[in-house]
Protein backbone atom coordinates (compact mmCIF):
# COMPACT_ATOMS: atom_id res chain seq x y z
CA MET A 1 0.00 0.00 0.00
CA ALA A 2 1.38 3.43 -0.93
CA PRO A 3 2.10 5.80 1.97
CA ASN A 4 -0.27 8.72 2.37
CA SER A 5 0.69 12.19 1.17
CA THR A 6 1.49 13.48 4.66
CA PHE A 7 4.06 10.76 5.19
CA LEU A 8 5.53 11.37 1.76
CA LEU A 9 5.95 15.09 2.40
CA ALA A 10 7.65 14.46 5.72
CA PHE A 11 9.79 11.74 4.20
CA VAL A 12 11.12 13.95 1.42
CA PHE A 13 11.59 17.19 3.33
CA LEU A 14 13.04 15.73 6.51
CA THR A 15 15.16 13.00 4.99
CA PHE A 16 16.36 14.68 1.83
CA GLY A 17 15.97 18.37 2.58
CA LEU A 18 14.86 18.61 -1.05
CA CYS A 19 11.72 19.53 -2.95
CA LEU A 20 8.76 17.20 -3.34
CA TYR A 21 8.14 16.19 -6.92
CA PRO A 22 4.53 15.47 -7.92
CA HIS A 23 5.53 12.65 -10.31
CA LEU A 24 6.99 10.56 -7.46
CA ALA A 25 5.01 7.82 -5.77
CA LEU A 26 6.05 5.18 -3.24
CA ALA A 27 5.00 1.63 -2.56
CA LYS A 28 6.38 -1.03 -0.24
CA HIS A 29 8.93 -3.38 -1.75
CA GLY A 30 9.66 -6.38 0.41
CA SER A 31 11.87 -5.83 3.43
CA THR A 32 14.82 -4.22 1.66
CA GLY A 33 13.35 -1.07 0.18
CA VAL A 34 10.39 0.55 -1.49
CA THR A 35 9.20 0.81 -5.07
CA ARG A 36 9.33 4.33 -6.43
CA HIS A 37 7.21 5.25 -9.42
CA TYR A 38 8.06 8.10 -11.79
CA ASN A 39 6.33 9.33 -14.93
CA PHE A 40 8.64 10.85 -17.52
CA ASN A 41 6.76 12.66 -20.28
CA ILE A 42 9.20 13.60 -23.02
CA ARG A 43 7.99 16.95 -24.36
CA MET A 44 9.24 19.95 -26.27
CA LYS A 45 9.66 23.12 -24.22
CA ASN A 46 10.50 26.67 -25.27
CA VAL A 47 13.55 27.85 -23.34
CA THR A 48 15.41 31.16 -23.60
CA ARG A 49 19.15 31.39 -23.09
CA LEU A 50 21.67 33.96 -24.37
CA CYS A 51 18.85 36.17 -25.73
CA GLN A 52 17.54 33.41 -27.97
CA SER A 53 14.54 31.12 -27.58
CA LYS A 54 14.44 27.59 -28.90
CA SER A 55 12.35 24.49 -28.46
CA ILE A 56 14.24 21.71 -26.64
CA VAL A 57 13.53 18.10 -25.67
CA THR A 58 12.80 17.83 -21.93
CA VAL A 59 11.45 15.54 -19.23
CA ASN A 60 8.16 16.93 -17.92
CA GLY A 61 9.04 20.34 -19.33
CA LYS A 62 12.08 20.72 -17.02
CA PHE A 63 15.65 21.63 -18.00
CA PRO A 64 17.65 20.00 -16.52
CA GLY A 65 15.23 17.15 -15.89
CA PRO A 66 13.58 16.32 -12.56
CA ARG A 67 15.52 14.73 -9.75
CA ILE A 68 15.19 10.99 -9.11
CA ILE A 69 15.51 10.17 -5.41
CA ALA A 70 15.93 6.66 -4.04
CA ARG A 71 17.69 4.63 -1.39
CA GLU A 72 20.01 1.71 -1.92
CA GLY A 73 17.83 -1.37 -2.27
CA ASP A 74 14.87 0.53 -3.76
CA ARG A 75 13.18 -0.47 -6.97
CA LEU A 76 12.53 2.19 -9.61
CA VAL A 77 9.64 1.94 -12.05
CA ILE A 78 9.89 4.79 -14.55
CA LYS A 79 7.33 5.11 -17.32
CA VAL A 80 8.72 7.08 -20.25
CA VAL A 81 6.16 8.41 -22.76
CA ASN A 82 7.49 9.93 -25.98
CA HIS A 83 5.53 13.01 -27.08
CA VAL A 84 8.19 14.37 -29.48
CA SER A 85 9.05 13.59 -33.09
CA ASN A 86 12.50 12.18 -32.22
CA ASN A 87 13.10 8.58 -31.22
CA ILE A 88 13.95 8.42 -27.50
CA SER A 89 15.77 6.08 -25.15
CA ILE A 90 17.09 6.89 -21.68
CA HIS A 91 20.21 5.50 -20.03
CA TRP A 92 20.44 5.43 -16.22
CA HIS A 93 24.12 6.21 -16.19
CA GLY A 94 26.09 4.21 -13.62
CA ILE A 95 23.21 2.01 -12.45
CA ARG A 96 24.61 -1.51 -12.67
CA GLN A 97 21.32 -3.03 -13.86
CA LEU A 98 22.05 -6.43 -12.30
CA ARG A 99 20.21 -8.92 -14.53
CA SER A 100 17.96 -6.07 -15.73
CA GLY A 101 19.83 -5.16 -18.91
CA TRP A 102 16.52 -4.45 -20.67
CA ALA A 103 16.37 -1.25 -18.60
CA ASP A 104 19.86 0.02 -19.42
CA GLY A 105 18.69 2.25 -22.25
CA PRO A 106 21.25 2.72 -25.07
CA ALA A 107 19.40 2.62 -28.39
CA TYR A 108 20.08 -0.46 -30.53
CA ILE A 109 22.21 -2.02 -27.77
CA THR A 110 19.71 -3.08 -25.09
CA GLN A 111 16.52 -1.79 -26.69
CA CYS A 112 15.10 -0.26 -29.81
CA PRO A 113 14.21 3.40 -29.23
CA ILE A 114 10.81 4.56 -28.05
CA GLN A 115 9.06 5.96 -31.09
CA THR A 116 6.72 8.95 -31.21
CA GLY A 117 3.50 8.27 -29.28
CA GLN A 118 4.91 5.12 -27.68
CA SER A 119 5.99 4.37 -24.10
CA TYR A 120 8.29 2.04 -22.21
CA VAL A 121 8.57 1.23 -18.50
CA TYR A 122 12.13 1.03 -17.16
CA ASN A 123 12.09 -1.33 -14.17
CA PHE A 124 15.21 -1.94 -12.09
CA THR A 125 16.51 -2.23 -8.53
CA ILE A 126 19.45 -0.30 -7.10
CA ILE A 127 21.81 -2.87 -5.60
CA GLY A 128 25.01 -2.02 -3.73
CA GLN A 129 25.21 1.61 -4.83
CA THR A 130 24.99 4.88 -2.90
CA GLY A 131 25.84 8.37 -4.13
CA THR A 132 25.15 10.44 -7.23
CA LEU A 133 24.45 9.09 -10.70
CA TRP A 134 22.44 10.58 -13.56
CA TYR A 135 20.18 9.82 -16.50
CA HIS A 136 20.33 11.04 -20.06
CA ALA A 137 19.00 10.35 -23.53
CA HIS A 138 21.01 7.75 -25.45
CA VAL A 139 19.96 8.56 -29.01
CA SER A 140 22.05 10.89 -31.18
CA TRP A 141 22.73 14.25 -29.44
CA ILE A 142 19.38 14.58 -27.65
CA ARG A 143 21.15 14.30 -24.28
CA ALA A 144 22.25 17.93 -24.84
CA THR A 145 19.04 18.90 -23.00
CA LEU A 146 17.53 15.63 -21.79
CA TYR A 147 19.39 14.80 -18.59
CA GLY A 148 18.94 14.92 -14.82
CA PRO A 149 20.35 13.71 -11.47
CA ILE A 150 19.84 10.40 -9.68
CA VAL A 151 20.26 10.77 -5.90
CA ILE A 152 20.87 7.45 -4.13
CA LEU A 153 20.75 7.73 -0.35
CA PRO A 154 22.05 5.09 2.08
CA ARG A 155 19.67 2.41 3.33
CA ARG A 156 17.50 3.35 6.29
CA ASN A 157 19.29 3.33 9.63
CA THR A 158 22.69 3.67 7.93
CA SER A 159 24.67 6.82 7.30
CA TYR A 160 27.37 8.36 5.14
CA PRO A 161 30.99 7.54 6.13
CA PHE A 162 31.56 11.28 6.55
CA VAL A 163 30.00 14.20 8.41
CA LYS A 164 26.29 14.60 7.85
CA PRO A 165 25.73 17.54 5.50
CA TYR A 166 23.40 20.41 6.33
CA LYS A 167 21.99 20.32 2.80
CA GLU A 168 22.57 18.50 -0.49
CA VAL A 169 22.69 20.35 -3.82
CA PRO A 170 23.08 18.95 -7.35
CA ILE A 171 25.60 20.84 -9.52
CA ILE A 172 25.13 19.75 -13.13
CA PHE A 173 27.42 21.02 -15.88
CA GLY A 174 26.09 21.09 -19.42
CA GLU A 175 26.55 22.67 -22.83
CA TRP A 176 24.16 24.98 -24.67
CA TRP A 177 23.77 25.42 -28.42
CA ASN A 178 21.69 28.21 -29.90
CA ASN A 179 21.23 25.95 -32.93
CA ASP A 180 19.43 22.61 -32.97
CA THR A 181 21.95 19.98 -31.84
CA GLU A 182 20.47 17.37 -34.19
CA ALA A 183 21.27 19.70 -37.08
CA VAL A 184 24.78 20.22 -35.67
CA ILE A 185 25.65 16.52 -35.54
CA ASN A 186 23.91 15.70 -38.82
CA GLN A 187 25.96 18.38 -40.59
CA ALA A 188 29.18 17.06 -39.02
CA ILE A 189 28.45 13.48 -40.10
CA GLN A 190 27.49 14.62 -43.61
CA THR A 191 30.56 16.80 -44.19
CA GLY A 192 33.02 14.68 -42.20
CA ALA A 193 34.20 17.77 -40.28
CA GLY A 194 34.26 18.45 -36.58
CA PRO A 195 30.92 19.76 -35.23
CA ASN A 196 30.18 23.39 -34.49
CA ASN A 197 31.09 24.32 -30.93
CA SER A 198 28.51 24.91 -28.24
CA ASP A 199 27.67 28.54 -27.50
CA ALA A 200 28.00 28.25 -23.73
CA TYR A 201 28.56 25.95 -20.80
CA THR A 202 25.88 25.82 -18.14
CA ILE A 203 25.52 25.17 -14.41
CA ASN A 204 22.12 23.66 -13.65
CA GLY A 205 20.95 24.90 -17.04
CA PHE A 206 22.23 28.50 -16.68
CA PRO A 207 25.15 30.01 -18.65
CA GLY A 208 25.94 32.83 -16.23
CA SER A 209 26.91 36.45 -16.74
CA LEU A 210 30.07 36.21 -18.85
CA TYR A 211 28.68 35.42 -22.29
CA ASN A 212 27.00 38.60 -23.55
CA ASN A 213 25.11 41.67 -22.46
CA CYS A 214 21.77 39.87 -22.30
CA SER A 215 22.90 37.40 -19.65
CA SER A 216 20.57 38.42 -16.85
CA PRO A 217 20.66 37.49 -13.16
CA LYS A 218 17.95 34.96 -14.02
CA GLU A 219 20.50 33.16 -16.23
CA THR A 220 23.10 32.85 -13.46
CA PHE A 221 23.06 29.89 -11.09
CA ARG A 222 22.88 31.05 -7.50
CA LEU A 223 23.91 28.75 -4.65
CA LYS A 224 22.62 30.16 -1.36
CA VAL A 225 24.49 28.98 1.73
CA LYS A 226 24.52 29.72 5.43
CA PRO A 227 27.76 30.50 7.28
CA GLY A 228 29.55 27.67 9.06
CA LYS A 229 27.61 24.81 7.46
CA THR A 230 28.66 21.72 5.49
CA TYR A 231 27.02 21.25 2.11
CA LEU A 232 27.15 18.10 -0.02
CA LEU A 233 27.51 19.08 -3.68
CA ARG A 234 26.43 16.31 -6.06
CA ILE A 235 28.51 17.17 -9.11
CA ILE A 236 27.69 15.79 -12.57
CA ASN A 237 29.36 16.54 -15.89
CA ALA A 238 26.53 16.25 -18.41
CA ALA A 239 28.39 18.25 -21.08
CA LEU A 240 28.39 16.60 -24.49
CA ASN A 241 31.98 17.12 -25.53
CA ASP A 242 34.16 18.73 -22.89
CA GLU A 243 35.97 17.90 -19.71
CA LEU A 244 35.85 20.72 -17.18
CA PHE A 245 37.70 22.40 -14.33
CA PHE A 246 35.52 23.88 -11.55
CA LYS A 247 36.37 26.22 -8.71
CA ILE A 248 34.79 28.63 -6.17
CA THR A 249 36.77 31.70 -5.18
CA ASN A 250 38.42 31.37 -1.72
CA HIS A 251 36.75 28.02 -0.95
CA THR A 252 37.93 24.41 -0.84
CA PHE A 253 36.25 21.04 -1.29
CA THR A 254 36.61 17.62 0.29
CA ILE A 255 36.13 14.83 -2.26
CA VAL A 256 34.30 11.86 -0.70
CA ASP A 257 32.87 9.94 -3.65
CA ALA A 258 33.47 9.15 -7.32
CA ASP A 259 30.76 7.66 -9.58
CA ALA A 260 28.69 6.61 -6.53
CA SER A 261 31.60 4.83 -4.83
CA TYR A 262 33.17 6.16 -1.65
CA VAL A 263 36.79 7.29 -1.78
CA LYS A 264 39.39 8.19 0.82
CA PRO A 265 38.60 11.86 1.43
CA PHE A 266 41.03 14.46 0.14
CA GLU A 267 40.93 18.24 -0.07
CA THR A 268 41.26 20.37 -3.20
CA ASP A 269 40.39 23.87 -4.36
CA THR A 270 39.84 22.81 -8.00
CA ILE A 271 37.75 19.95 -9.37
CA TYR A 272 38.36 18.21 -12.68
CA ILE A 273 35.56 16.07 -14.13
CA THR A 274 35.02 14.37 -17.49
CA PRO A 275 31.70 14.00 -19.34
CA GLY A 276 29.83 11.12 -17.70
CA GLN A 277 31.58 11.29 -14.34
CA THR A 278 29.95 12.23 -11.04
CA SER A 279 31.40 13.12 -7.66
CA ASN A 280 30.12 13.99 -4.20
CA VAL A 281 32.10 16.77 -2.54
CA LEU A 282 31.76 18.52 0.79
CA LEU A 283 31.81 22.32 0.90
CA LYS A 284 32.39 23.81 4.35
CA THR A 285 31.20 27.42 4.32
CA LYS A 286 33.05 30.18 6.09
CA LYS A 287 31.79 32.11 9.12
CA LEU A 288 30.99 35.23 7.17
CA LYS A 289 28.32 37.90 7.40
CA SER A 290 25.24 37.69 5.24
CA ASN A 291 25.35 38.96 1.66
CA SER A 292 28.96 37.91 1.08
CA ARG A 293 29.29 36.63 -2.51
CA PHE A 294 31.90 34.59 -4.34
CA MET A 295 32.11 33.61 -7.99
CA MET A 296 32.19 29.99 -9.11
CA ALA A 297 33.41 29.10 -12.57
CA ALA A 298 34.00 26.16 -14.89
CA ARG A 299 35.92 26.02 -18.16
CA PRO A 300 37.24 23.21 -20.38
CA TYR A 301 40.32 21.04 -20.36
CA SER A 302 41.47 20.14 -23.85
CA THR A 303 44.58 18.86 -25.61
CA ALA A 304 42.80 18.46 -28.95
CA ALA A 305 44.98 19.17 -31.95
CA ALA A 306 42.19 18.28 -34.38
CA GLY A 307 39.29 20.70 -34.58
CA THR A 308 38.19 23.40 -32.14
CA PHE A 309 36.31 23.43 -28.85
CA ASP A 310 34.18 25.81 -26.80
CA ASN A 311 36.84 27.88 -25.04
CA THR A 312 34.47 29.80 -22.76
CA THR A 313 33.74 30.05 -19.03
CA VAL A 314 30.45 29.50 -17.22
CA ALA A 315 30.00 31.44 -13.99
CA GLY A 316 27.72 31.14 -10.99
CA VAL A 317 27.50 32.81 -7.59
CA LEU A 318 27.95 31.42 -4.09
CA GLU A 319 25.88 33.71 -1.89
CA TYR A 320 25.86 33.75 1.91
CA VAL A 321 22.42 34.30 3.45
CA MET A 322 21.04 34.13 6.98
CA SER A 323 17.84 32.39 5.90
CA ASP A 324 17.10 29.76 3.27
CA LYS A 325 13.96 31.78 2.50
CA ASN A 326 16.02 34.68 1.14
CA THR A 327 14.81 34.97 -2.45
CA LYS A 328 16.03 38.49 -3.17
CA THR A 329 17.64 38.57 -6.61
CA PHE A 330 20.99 40.17 -7.21
CA SER A 331 21.82 42.39 -10.14
CA ASN A 332 24.60 42.00 -12.67
CA THR A 333 26.15 45.11 -11.15
CA SER A 334 26.38 43.46 -7.72
CA ILE A 335 28.45 40.58 -9.10
CA LYS A 336 30.30 42.38 -11.88
CA GLY A 337 33.24 43.30 -9.68
CA LEU A 338 33.62 39.89 -8.05
CA PRO A 339 36.88 38.17 -9.05
CA LEU A 340 36.73 34.93 -10.98
CA PRO A 341 38.57 32.02 -9.35
CA PRO A 342 41.87 31.20 -11.10
CA LEU A 343 41.51 27.91 -13.00
CA PRO A 344 44.22 25.66 -14.47
CA ALA A 345 45.35 26.27 -18.02
CA ILE A 346 43.21 24.82 -20.80
CA ASN A 347 45.82 22.13 -21.52
CA ALA A 348 46.90 21.45 -17.91
CA THR A 349 47.69 17.79 -18.50
CA SER A 350 49.96 17.51 -15.46
CA TYR A 351 47.18 18.83 -13.20
CA VAL A 352 44.79 16.23 -14.60
CA ALA A 353 47.33 13.42 -14.06
CA ASN A 354 47.96 14.51 -10.46
CA TRP A 355 44.22 14.83 -9.84
CA THR A 356 43.36 11.33 -11.04
CA ASN A 357 46.22 9.81 -9.03
CA LYS A 358 44.68 11.13 -5.79
CA PHE A 359 41.65 8.84 -5.97
CA ARG A 360 41.65 5.72 -3.79
CA SER A 361 38.73 3.54 -2.73
CA LEU A 362 37.64 4.02 0.87
CA GLY A 363 38.47 0.38 1.58
CA SER A 364 36.83 0.13 4.99
CA SER A 365 35.30 -2.98 6.54
CA GLN A 366 31.86 -1.66 5.61
CA PHE A 367 32.95 -0.70 2.09
CA PRO A 368 35.60 -3.27 1.09
CA VAL A 369 37.66 -3.32 -2.09
CA ASN A 370 36.92 -6.33 -4.28
CA VAL A 371 39.40 -5.82 -7.09
CA PRO A 372 40.12 -9.14 -8.87
CA GLN A 373 43.52 -10.40 -7.77
CA THR A 374 43.80 -12.89 -10.61
CA VAL A 375 42.85 -12.32 -14.24
CA GLN A 376 41.32 -14.83 -16.62
CA LYS A 377 41.02 -12.61 -19.72
CA HIS A 378 43.44 -9.87 -20.78
CA PHE A 379 42.49 -7.22 -23.34
CA PHE A 380 44.48 -4.39 -24.89
CA PHE A 381 42.31 -1.76 -26.61
CA VAL A 382 43.77 1.09 -28.64
CA VAL A 383 41.44 4.12 -28.87
CA GLY A 384 41.66 7.26 -30.93
CA LEU A 385 40.68 9.19 -34.00
CA GLY A 386 41.11 8.19 -37.64
CA ASN A 387 39.67 8.76 -41.09
CA ASP A 388 37.06 7.50 -43.51
CA PRO A 389 37.47 8.12 -47.24
CA CYS A 390 35.30 10.80 -48.78
CA PRO A 391 32.44 9.30 -50.82
CA LYS A 392 32.57 9.81 -54.56
CA ASN A 393 31.09 13.05 -55.89
CA GLN A 394 31.23 14.65 -52.44
CA THR A 395 33.51 17.24 -50.89
CA CYS A 396 34.54 16.38 -47.33
CA GLN A 397 35.86 18.79 -44.72
CA GLY A 398 37.80 16.40 -42.50
CA PRO A 399 41.60 16.00 -42.48
CA ASN A 400 43.04 16.18 -46.03
CA GLY A 401 39.61 15.98 -47.60
CA THR A 402 38.53 12.85 -45.67
CA LYS A 403 35.93 12.32 -42.96
CA PHE A 404 36.69 12.17 -39.26
CA ALA A 405 36.19 8.75 -37.68
CA ALA A 406 37.09 7.10 -34.37
CA SER A 407 37.74 3.49 -33.40
CA ILE A 408 38.74 0.89 -30.83
CA ASN A 409 41.38 -1.54 -32.13
CA ASN A 410 40.77 0.14 -35.51
CA ILE A 411 37.12 -0.93 -35.58
CA SER A 412 34.60 1.89 -35.82
CA PHE A 413 31.44 0.41 -34.35
CA THR A 414 28.39 0.33 -36.60
CA LEU A 415 25.07 0.53 -34.77
CA PRO A 416 22.74 -2.30 -35.85
CA THR A 417 19.07 -1.87 -36.71
CA THR A 418 18.09 -4.59 -34.21
CA ALA A 419 19.02 -4.23 -30.53
CA LEU A 420 22.02 -6.42 -29.69
CA LEU A 421 20.51 -7.69 -26.43
CA GLN A 422 17.36 -8.85 -28.19
CA ALA A 423 19.39 -10.60 -30.88
CA GLN A 424 21.57 -12.29 -28.24
CA TYR A 425 18.66 -13.31 -25.98
CA PHE A 426 16.57 -14.81 -28.78
CA GLY A 427 19.54 -16.49 -30.46
CA LYS A 428 19.23 -14.41 -33.63
CA SER A 429 22.62 -12.71 -33.72
CA ASN A 430 23.36 -13.93 -37.26
CA GLY A 431 23.53 -10.88 -39.48
CA VAL A 432 23.23 -8.54 -36.47
CA PHE A 433 26.67 -8.83 -34.84
CA SER A 434 29.65 -11.16 -34.55
CA ASN A 435 31.65 -12.27 -31.49
CA SER A 436 34.93 -11.44 -33.23
CA PHE A 437 36.05 -8.20 -31.62
CA PRO A 438 39.86 -8.46 -31.38
CA SER A 439 41.41 -8.62 -27.92
CA THR A 440 44.49 -6.75 -29.17
CA PRO A 441 45.15 -4.47 -32.16
CA LEU A 442 45.48 -6.36 -35.44
CA ASN A 443 48.18 -3.95 -36.66
CA PRO A 444 50.34 -2.69 -33.76
CA PHE A 445 52.26 0.58 -34.16
CA ASN A 446 53.96 3.23 -32.03
CA TYR A 447 50.71 4.49 -30.48
CA THR A 448 52.00 7.73 -28.97
CA GLY A 449 54.75 8.31 -31.52
CA THR A 450 54.59 9.15 -35.21
CA PRO A 451 51.22 7.99 -36.58
CA PRO A 452 51.19 5.30 -39.29
CA ASN A 453 50.80 6.35 -42.92
CA ASN A 454 47.38 4.70 -43.18
CA THR A 455 44.96 6.11 -40.60
CA MET A 456 41.77 4.77 -42.20
CA VAL A 457 39.47 2.78 -39.89
CA SER A 458 37.48 -0.38 -40.54
CA HIS A 459 33.80 -0.74 -39.68
CA GLY A 460 31.74 -3.49 -38.11
CA THR A 461 29.30 -4.58 -35.41
CA LYS A 462 31.53 -6.82 -33.31
CA VAL A 463 31.35 -7.68 -29.60
CA VAL A 464 33.48 -9.48 -27.01
CA LEU A 465 31.80 -12.61 -25.63
CA LEU A 466 32.58 -13.39 -21.98
CA PRO A 467 31.57 -16.40 -19.87
CA TYR A 468 29.73 -15.46 -16.69
CA ASN A 469 31.97 -14.41 -13.76
CA THR A 470 35.11 -14.00 -15.88
CA THR A 471 37.73 -11.71 -14.33
CA VAL A 472 38.90 -9.15 -16.86
CA GLU A 473 41.88 -6.85 -17.13
CA LEU A 474 41.56 -4.18 -19.80
CA VAL A 475 44.36 -1.82 -20.77
CA ILE A 476 43.12 1.13 -22.85
CA GLN A 477 45.82 2.90 -24.82
CA GLY A 478 45.43 6.36 -26.33
CA THR A 479 47.01 7.32 -29.66
CA ASN A 480 48.49 10.36 -31.38
CA ILE A 481 46.53 9.87 -34.60
CA LEU A 482 45.19 13.32 -35.56
CA GLY A 483 46.42 14.50 -32.15
CA ALA A 484 46.45 13.06 -28.64
CA GLU A 485 43.25 13.55 -26.65
CA ASN A 486 41.78 12.51 -23.34
CA HIS A 487 38.98 9.96 -23.88
CA PRO A 488 36.47 9.42 -21.03
CA LEU A 489 35.46 5.76 -21.48
CA HIS A 490 32.17 4.67 -19.90
CA LEU A 491 31.30 1.00 -19.30
CA HIS A 492 27.62 0.11 -18.95
CA GLY A 493 26.53 -2.64 -16.55
CA PHE A 494 29.66 -2.69 -14.39
CA ASN A 495 31.88 -0.72 -12.10
CA PHE A 496 35.59 -1.30 -12.61
CA TYR A 497 38.72 -0.67 -10.59
CA VAL A 498 41.34 1.68 -12.04
CA VAL A 499 44.49 -0.25 -11.18
CA GLY A 500 47.03 1.78 -13.18
CA GLN A 501 47.67 4.62 -15.59
CA GLY A 502 50.63 6.24 -17.25
CA THR A 503 52.02 8.28 -20.11
CA GLY A 504 53.40 6.99 -23.39
CA ASN A 505 52.94 3.42 -24.57
CA PHE A 506 51.89 0.74 -22.08
CA ASN A 507 54.73 -1.68 -21.27
CA SER A 508 53.23 -5.10 -20.55
CA THR A 509 56.48 -6.23 -18.91
CA THR A 510 57.18 -3.42 -16.46
CA ASP A 511 53.96 -1.42 -15.92
CA PRO A 512 51.84 -4.16 -14.24
CA ALA A 513 54.37 -4.30 -11.39
CA ASN A 514 53.13 -0.85 -10.36
CA PHE A 515 49.41 -1.66 -10.43
CA ASN A 516 47.45 -0.77 -7.30
CA LEU A 517 45.59 -3.93 -6.25
CA VAL A 518 44.99 -2.74 -2.68
CA ASP A 519 42.71 0.31 -2.85
CA PRO A 520 42.22 1.40 -6.49
CA VAL A 521 39.33 3.75 -7.15
CA GLU A 522 36.08 2.16 -8.35
CA ARG A 523 34.38 3.98 -11.25
CA ASN A 524 32.10 3.57 -14.25
CA THR A 525 33.78 6.28 -16.38
CA VAL A 526 37.53 6.81 -16.65
CA GLY A 527 39.65 9.20 -18.68
CA VAL A 528 42.21 7.57 -20.94
CA PRO A 529 45.06 10.08 -20.49
CA SER A 530 46.09 12.19 -23.44
CA GLY A 531 49.12 10.42 -24.90
CA GLY A 532 48.90 7.65 -22.30
CA TRP A 533 47.04 4.59 -21.04
CA VAL A 534 44.82 3.36 -18.23
CA ALA A 535 44.32 -0.17 -16.86
CA VAL A 536 41.08 -1.41 -15.26
CA ARG A 537 39.83 -4.67 -13.80
CA PHE A 538 36.29 -5.97 -13.34
CA ARG A 539 34.36 -9.18 -12.84
CA ALA A 540 31.84 -10.05 -15.56
CA ASP A 541 29.09 -11.04 -13.11
CA ASN A 542 26.20 -9.30 -14.89
CA PRO A 543 24.64 -11.20 -17.81
CA GLY A 544 23.57 -9.14 -20.82
CA VAL A 545 25.03 -6.98 -23.56
CA TRP A 546 26.88 -3.91 -22.31
CA PHE A 547 27.95 -0.86 -24.26
CA MET A 548 31.39 0.71 -23.75
CA HIS A 549 32.10 4.03 -25.41
CA CYS A 550 33.77 7.40 -25.23
CA HIS A 551 31.52 9.90 -23.44
CA ILE A 552 32.70 12.75 -25.64
CA GLU A 553 29.65 12.69 -27.85
CA ILE A 554 31.36 13.47 -31.15
CA HIS A 555 33.83 10.61 -30.61
CA LEU A 556 30.88 8.31 -29.85
CA SER A 557 29.13 9.50 -33.02
CA TRP A 558 32.31 8.80 -35.02
CA GLY A 559 32.39 5.19 -33.79
CA LEU A 560 34.52 5.07 -30.62
CA ARG A 561 32.37 2.37 -29.08
CA MET A 562 32.02 -1.41 -28.69
CA ALA A 563 30.03 -3.92 -26.63
CA TRP A 564 30.61 -6.82 -24.23
CA ALA A 565 28.23 -9.79 -24.26
CA VAL A 566 28.23 -11.62 -20.91
CA MET A 567 26.67 -15.07 -20.87
CA ASP A 568 24.22 -16.35 -18.25
CA GLY A 569 25.59 -18.19 -15.24
CA LYS A 570 24.42 -21.65 -14.18
CA LEU A 571 22.21 -20.60 -11.27
CA PRO A 572 18.80 -18.93 -11.64
CA ASN A 573 20.02 -15.73 -9.95
CA GLN A 574 22.86 -15.52 -12.49
CA LYS A 575 20.61 -15.29 -15.53
CA LEU A 576 19.28 -12.29 -17.40
CA LEU A 577 15.65 -11.62 -16.55
CA PRO A 578 13.12 -12.14 -19.38
CA PRO A 579 12.33 -9.09 -21.53
CA PRO A 580 9.30 -7.00 -20.55
CA SER A 581 6.19 -7.19 -22.70
CA ASP A 582 6.38 -3.50 -23.66
CA LEU A 583 9.97 -3.66 -24.96
CA PRO A 584 10.08 -1.26 -27.94
CA LYS A 585 10.19 -2.80 -31.39
CA CYS A 586 12.46 -1.62 -34.18
């Protein structure tokens, strides 16, 4: 029986300190948690930013989308109804989807997209995860506006392994285009060139006051805080194409979580975060008088030699107030003289390397580290950019008159027209995909040295097939082809442990001796260092078909993606659940 509205109000306000959302409903779910129902209506909404209005794809008319709130052990039942002309699918980024791969969301991998006028119910349980994750569209570039936070609280009668925060606030970075993003990516694919840059970065949907004269106070994110309190900032990088540095003038953070996994706390005044990553950080406010204000800012990190990027800065304001009810707006004049916090250089590769090396799993008795100590399958994936030839009778604007492409082990992944999981489950993979993805590059070369003469990629729909419970070590090597770049790789269906990373070419003889097998950080998205490599380990204990791809959207669109197919185990609780009756059809 669902709790009454009075209980629900008390539950949300007292437990979360957050707003009550009318699309949320609760029902009892066994003894471990509750079932939470959400209705997601995908609709167009007119939104004005940077003096221009445009119609964008939203969830329930909100940008960013509404907050999902749950506890570890809760079941989520989310009905998504598509009211727009685009095909839609939604990925619940970082949710492991144990045996519930049908709810993972990437179009043509675990489901066919939800077509106009159709609906689909995503049904899954949150198991063994606490922290901040997020959801986003997983069709083309629609996630430019269709995204929102997932807040996972600890089970009842348990607590965070750090000081209880006074309040919790999502901080979501995004990108804004004045033009239609579907037109932007379609033009890039057609011409073979890099896409047009975004017009602004955003914090919680707002670009701030630095972009042009029409940036009003209403377009600047305002974080109101009380003096001497501890705030938990749930940080998400939902930007399509750029990694970001973030800082608040004269304030520091304590990092306590990465991708919904606790880490050994460490202090910093600057945060670096790639597209797809999330982090929980504590902000301890100063004992200052009311009306004190400080600027916050984020701008990109980039080493890209090929193409351009949005080299702008998004700004917000940290404002001290005596009451949470203070709604008085500030003027542009009142913040114009505030100094921006100094951020690392655009290409601060050494800062990024030092930052990522600070992360270690908490490794307590309550939150142990379960990194595989022995490995049954070794893989070496080379990732980077490349070229496709220009079609006959067409002029292409990529390198030397070609088209940009991207690949893993020189295979640029071709999306099928039938969802891989459906083909695998029903034994109809013939003609849809093959299990022949190479475990190492077919044509080795000096990956971080002089590129080979032939930088053309091959194409195919190939996956890696893994027996259930296989322990995997994957080394991902970046290349210098068309320039060295950082590639944030996201693995669906699993968390993995980052056991090592380095610059230059991976040395299989000497580098493994330096792997951290004691307390490596546990993540679902990791940056492959520019001109370097990263090594991860995971256990393939989740049956299904799982996408792995770069979370820089243009690299994903160019083909920097592949999939793992994990077989069922022998026991009933090791098998993929049957598909739901409303699974979308292609």
